[in-house]
Amino acid sequence: MYRERAWASITFSGMRYGFSIAYPDTADAEALRKFARALPEHEFALPGYFVADAVITGQSDLRLTVEILIIADPVQPS
């Protein structure tokens, strides 16, 4: 699953991305849980942009569904 859609407020514009990460078997379930715990606090390096929100919207032992909101940085254009 993958989707993207434009996002805007009065002062900012960007894109909201939604995607799934799937593992083939439950042997990798701990790696998926570790990724899910780390994602909300991860510092992304995207010149000219910043990640305003990164959330897990669905989770099982084999799949994560993620939404990330990326905003164009008005101070440091890309």
N, C-alpha and C. Protein backbone atom coordinates (compact mmCIF):
# COMPACT_ATOMS: atom_id res chain seq x y z
N MET A 1 0.84 -1.17 0.00
CA MET A 1 0.00 0.00 0.00
C MET A 1 0.89 1.24 0.00
N TYR A 2 0.55 2.19 -0.84
CA TYR A 2 1.25 3.47 -0.88
C TYR A 2 0.27 4.52 -1.37
N ARG A 3 0.29 5.68 -0.73
CA ARG A 3 -0.52 6.80 -1.21
C ARG A 3 0.16 8.10 -0.81
N GLU A 4 -0.13 9.13 -1.55
CA GLU A 4 0.36 10.45 -1.21
C GLU A 4 -0.72 11.45 -1.59
N ARG A 5 -0.76 12.53 -0.83
CA ARG A 5 -1.70 13.60 -1.15
C ARG A 5 -1.13 14.92 -0.66
N ALA A 6 -1.44 15.94 -1.41
CA ALA A 6 -0.97 17.28 -1.04
C ALA A 6 -1.62 17.70 0.27
N TRP A 7 -0.88 18.50 1.02
CA TRP A 7 -1.37 19.00 2.31
C TRP A 7 -1.01 20.48 2.39
N ALA A 8 -1.89 21.28 2.96
CA ALA A 8 -1.59 22.71 3.13
C ALA A 8 -2.38 23.27 4.29
N SER A 9 -1.79 24.26 4.93
CA SER A 9 -2.47 25.07 5.94
C SER A 9 -2.34 26.51 5.48
N ILE A 10 -2.70 27.44 6.31
CA ILE A 10 -2.58 28.84 5.93
C ILE A 10 -1.12 29.24 5.72
N THR A 11 -0.21 28.66 6.51
CA THR A 11 1.20 29.08 6.45
C THR A 11 2.17 28.05 5.86
N PHE A 12 1.76 26.79 5.74
CA PHE A 12 2.68 25.73 5.30
C PHE A 12 2.06 24.90 4.18
N SER A 13 2.93 24.25 3.40
CA SER A 13 2.46 23.29 2.41
C SER A 13 3.40 22.08 2.42
N GLY A 14 2.87 20.96 2.01
CA GLY A 14 3.68 19.75 2.00
C GLY A 14 2.92 18.59 1.42
N MET A 15 3.35 17.39 1.79
CA MET A 15 2.72 16.16 1.32
C MET A 15 2.54 15.22 2.49
N ARG A 16 1.42 14.50 2.47
CA ARG A 16 1.18 13.43 3.45
C ARG A 16 1.33 12.11 2.71
N TYR A 17 2.21 11.26 3.23
CA TYR A 17 2.47 9.96 2.62
C TYR A 17 1.95 8.86 3.54
N GLY A 18 1.36 7.86 2.96
CA GLY A 18 0.92 6.68 3.70
C GLY A 18 1.50 5.45 3.02
N PHE A 19 2.03 4.53 3.80
CA PHE A 19 2.60 3.31 3.22
C PHE A 19 2.62 2.21 4.25
N SER A 20 2.79 0.99 3.77
CA SER A 20 2.90 -0.17 4.64
C SER A 20 4.28 -0.78 4.50
N ILE A 21 4.76 -1.32 5.61
CA ILE A 21 6.01 -2.08 5.64
C ILE A 21 5.61 -3.48 6.07
N ALA A 22 5.92 -4.48 5.26
CA ALA A 22 5.53 -5.85 5.56
C ALA A 22 6.75 -6.75 5.64
N TYR A 23 6.71 -7.70 6.57
CA TYR A 23 7.74 -8.72 6.69
C TYR A 23 7.12 -10.06 6.30
N PRO A 24 7.92 -10.96 5.71
CA PRO A 24 7.36 -12.22 5.21
C PRO A 24 6.98 -13.22 6.30
N ASP A 25 7.61 -13.12 7.47
CA ASP A 25 7.24 -14.06 8.54
C ASP A 25 7.44 -13.42 9.90
N THR A 26 6.92 -14.05 10.93
CA THR A 26 6.95 -13.47 12.28
C THR A 26 8.34 -13.49 12.91
N ALA A 27 9.33 -14.10 12.28
CA ALA A 27 10.69 -14.08 12.82
C ALA A 27 11.22 -12.66 12.90
N ASP A 28 10.70 -11.77 12.05
CA ASP A 28 11.15 -10.39 12.03
C ASP A 28 10.24 -9.46 12.85
N ALA A 29 9.33 -10.01 13.62
CA ALA A 29 8.35 -9.20 14.35
C ALA A 29 9.02 -8.22 15.31
N GLU A 30 10.09 -8.63 15.98
CA GLU A 30 10.76 -7.73 16.93
C GLU A 30 11.40 -6.55 16.20
N ALA A 31 11.97 -6.78 15.03
CA ALA A 31 12.55 -5.69 14.24
C ALA A 31 11.46 -4.68 13.86
N LEU A 32 10.30 -5.17 13.51
CA LEU A 32 9.19 -4.29 13.16
C LEU A 32 8.72 -3.49 14.38
N ARG A 33 8.64 -4.12 15.54
CA ARG A 33 8.25 -3.40 16.77
C ARG A 33 9.30 -2.35 17.14
N LYS A 34 10.57 -2.68 16.97
CA LYS A 34 11.65 -1.73 17.27
C LYS A 34 11.55 -0.51 16.36
N PHE A 35 11.32 -0.73 15.07
CA PHE A 35 11.14 0.36 14.12
C PHE A 35 9.95 1.23 14.53
N ALA A 36 8.85 0.61 14.91
CA ALA A 36 7.63 1.35 15.31
C ALA A 36 7.90 2.22 16.54
N ARG A 37 8.67 1.71 17.50
CA ARG A 37 8.98 2.50 18.70
C ARG A 37 9.88 3.69 18.37
N ALA A 38 10.81 3.52 17.43
CA ALA A 38 11.78 4.56 17.11
C ALA A 38 11.24 5.64 16.17
N LEU A 39 10.27 5.30 15.33
CA LEU A 39 9.82 6.22 14.28
C LEU A 39 9.36 7.58 14.78
N PRO A 40 8.50 7.69 15.80
CA PRO A 40 8.01 9.02 16.19
C PRO A 40 9.09 10.01 16.63
N GLU A 41 10.21 9.53 17.14
CA GLU A 41 11.27 10.42 17.61
C GLU A 41 12.45 10.52 16.64
N HIS A 42 12.37 9.84 15.53
CA HIS A 42 13.49 9.83 14.57
C HIS A 42 13.69 11.22 13.97
N GLU A 43 14.95 11.64 13.84
CA GLU A 43 15.30 12.90 13.19
C GLU A 43 15.62 12.63 11.72
N PHE A 44 14.81 13.14 10.83
CA PHE A 44 15.00 12.94 9.40
C PHE A 44 15.87 14.07 8.84
N ALA A 45 16.73 13.74 7.89
CA ALA A 45 17.57 14.73 7.21
C ALA A 45 17.03 14.91 5.80
N LEU A 46 16.19 15.91 5.61
CA LEU A 46 15.58 16.19 4.31
C LEU A 46 15.80 17.66 4.00
N PRO A 47 16.88 18.00 3.30
CA PRO A 47 17.16 19.41 3.02
C PRO A 47 15.97 20.11 2.36
N GLY A 48 15.58 21.23 2.93
CA GLY A 48 14.47 22.01 2.40
C GLY A 48 13.11 21.56 2.90
N TYR A 49 13.08 20.53 3.74
CA TYR A 49 11.81 19.99 4.26
C TYR A 49 12.01 19.60 5.72
N PHE A 50 10.90 19.40 6.41
CA PHE A 50 10.96 18.80 7.73
C PHE A 50 9.76 17.88 7.91
N VAL A 51 9.95 16.86 8.74
CA VAL A 51 8.88 15.92 9.02
C VAL A 51 8.09 16.48 10.20
N ALA A 52 6.85 16.85 9.93
CA ALA A 52 6.00 17.43 10.96
C ALA A 52 5.31 16.36 11.80
N ASP A 53 5.10 15.18 11.22
CA ASP A 53 4.38 14.13 11.92
C ASP A 53 4.75 12.79 11.31
N ALA A 54 5.02 11.81 12.13
CA ALA A 54 5.29 10.44 11.69
C ALA A 54 4.59 9.51 12.67
N VAL A 55 3.53 8.85 12.22
CA VAL A 55 2.73 8.02 13.12
C VAL A 55 2.47 6.64 12.53
N ILE A 56 2.34 5.68 13.42
CA ILE A 56 1.92 4.34 13.05
C ILE A 56 0.40 4.32 13.12
N THR A 57 -0.25 4.01 12.02
CA THR A 57 -1.72 4.00 12.00
C THR A 57 -2.29 2.59 12.05
N GLY A 58 -1.42 1.59 11.92
CA GLY A 58 -1.84 0.20 12.02
C GLY A 58 -0.62 -0.67 12.27
N GLN A 59 -0.81 -1.74 13.05
CA GLN A 59 0.34 -2.58 13.38
C GLN A 59 -0.11 -4.00 13.67
N SER A 60 0.64 -4.96 13.13
CA SER A 60 0.49 -6.37 13.47
C SER A 60 1.91 -6.96 13.53
N ASP A 61 2.03 -8.25 13.76
CA ASP A 61 3.36 -8.86 13.80
C ASP A 61 4.05 -8.85 12.44
N LEU A 62 3.27 -8.71 11.37
CA LEU A 62 3.84 -8.79 10.03
C LEU A 62 3.81 -7.48 9.25
N ARG A 63 3.09 -6.48 9.73
CA ARG A 63 2.90 -5.27 8.92
C ARG A 63 2.73 -4.03 9.79
N LEU A 64 3.33 -2.93 9.32
CA LEU A 64 3.10 -1.61 9.90
C LEU A 64 2.47 -0.74 8.82
N THR A 65 1.53 0.08 9.21
CA THR A 65 1.00 1.10 8.32
C THR A 65 1.43 2.44 8.91
N VAL A 66 2.05 3.28 8.08
CA VAL A 66 2.69 4.51 8.54
C VAL A 66 2.14 5.69 7.75
N GLU A 67 1.98 6.82 8.43
CA GLU A 67 1.69 8.09 7.77
C GLU A 67 2.73 9.11 8.19
N ILE A 68 3.27 9.82 7.20
CA ILE A 68 4.29 10.84 7.45
C ILE A 68 3.87 12.12 6.74
N LEU A 69 3.91 13.22 7.48
CA LEU A 69 3.61 14.53 6.92
C LEU A 69 4.93 15.28 6.75
N ILE A 70 5.25 15.62 5.50
CA ILE A 70 6.50 16.32 5.19
C ILE A 70 6.13 17.73 4.71
N ILE A 71 6.73 18.73 5.37
CA ILE A 71 6.41 20.13 5.10
C ILE A 71 7.62 20.80 4.43
N ALA A 72 7.34 21.62 3.42
CA ALA A 72 8.39 22.43 2.80
C ALA A 72 8.85 23.47 3.82
N ASP A 73 10.15 23.55 4.05
CA ASP A 73 10.71 24.48 5.03
C ASP A 73 10.69 25.89 4.43
N PRO A 74 9.90 26.81 5.02
CA PRO A 74 9.83 28.15 4.46
C PRO A 74 11.11 28.96 4.64
N VAL A 75 11.97 28.56 5.56
CA VAL A 75 13.21 29.28 5.83
C VAL A 75 14.34 28.79 4.95
N GLN A 76 14.38 27.48 4.70
CA GLN A 76 15.45 26.88 3.90
C GLN A 76 14.82 26.14 2.72
N PRO A 77 14.51 26.84 1.64
CA PRO A 77 13.87 26.18 0.50
C PRO A 77 14.75 25.09 -0.11
N SER A 78 14.10 24.12 -0.71
CA SER A 78 14.83 23.00 -1.33
C SER A 78 15.52 23.41 -2.61
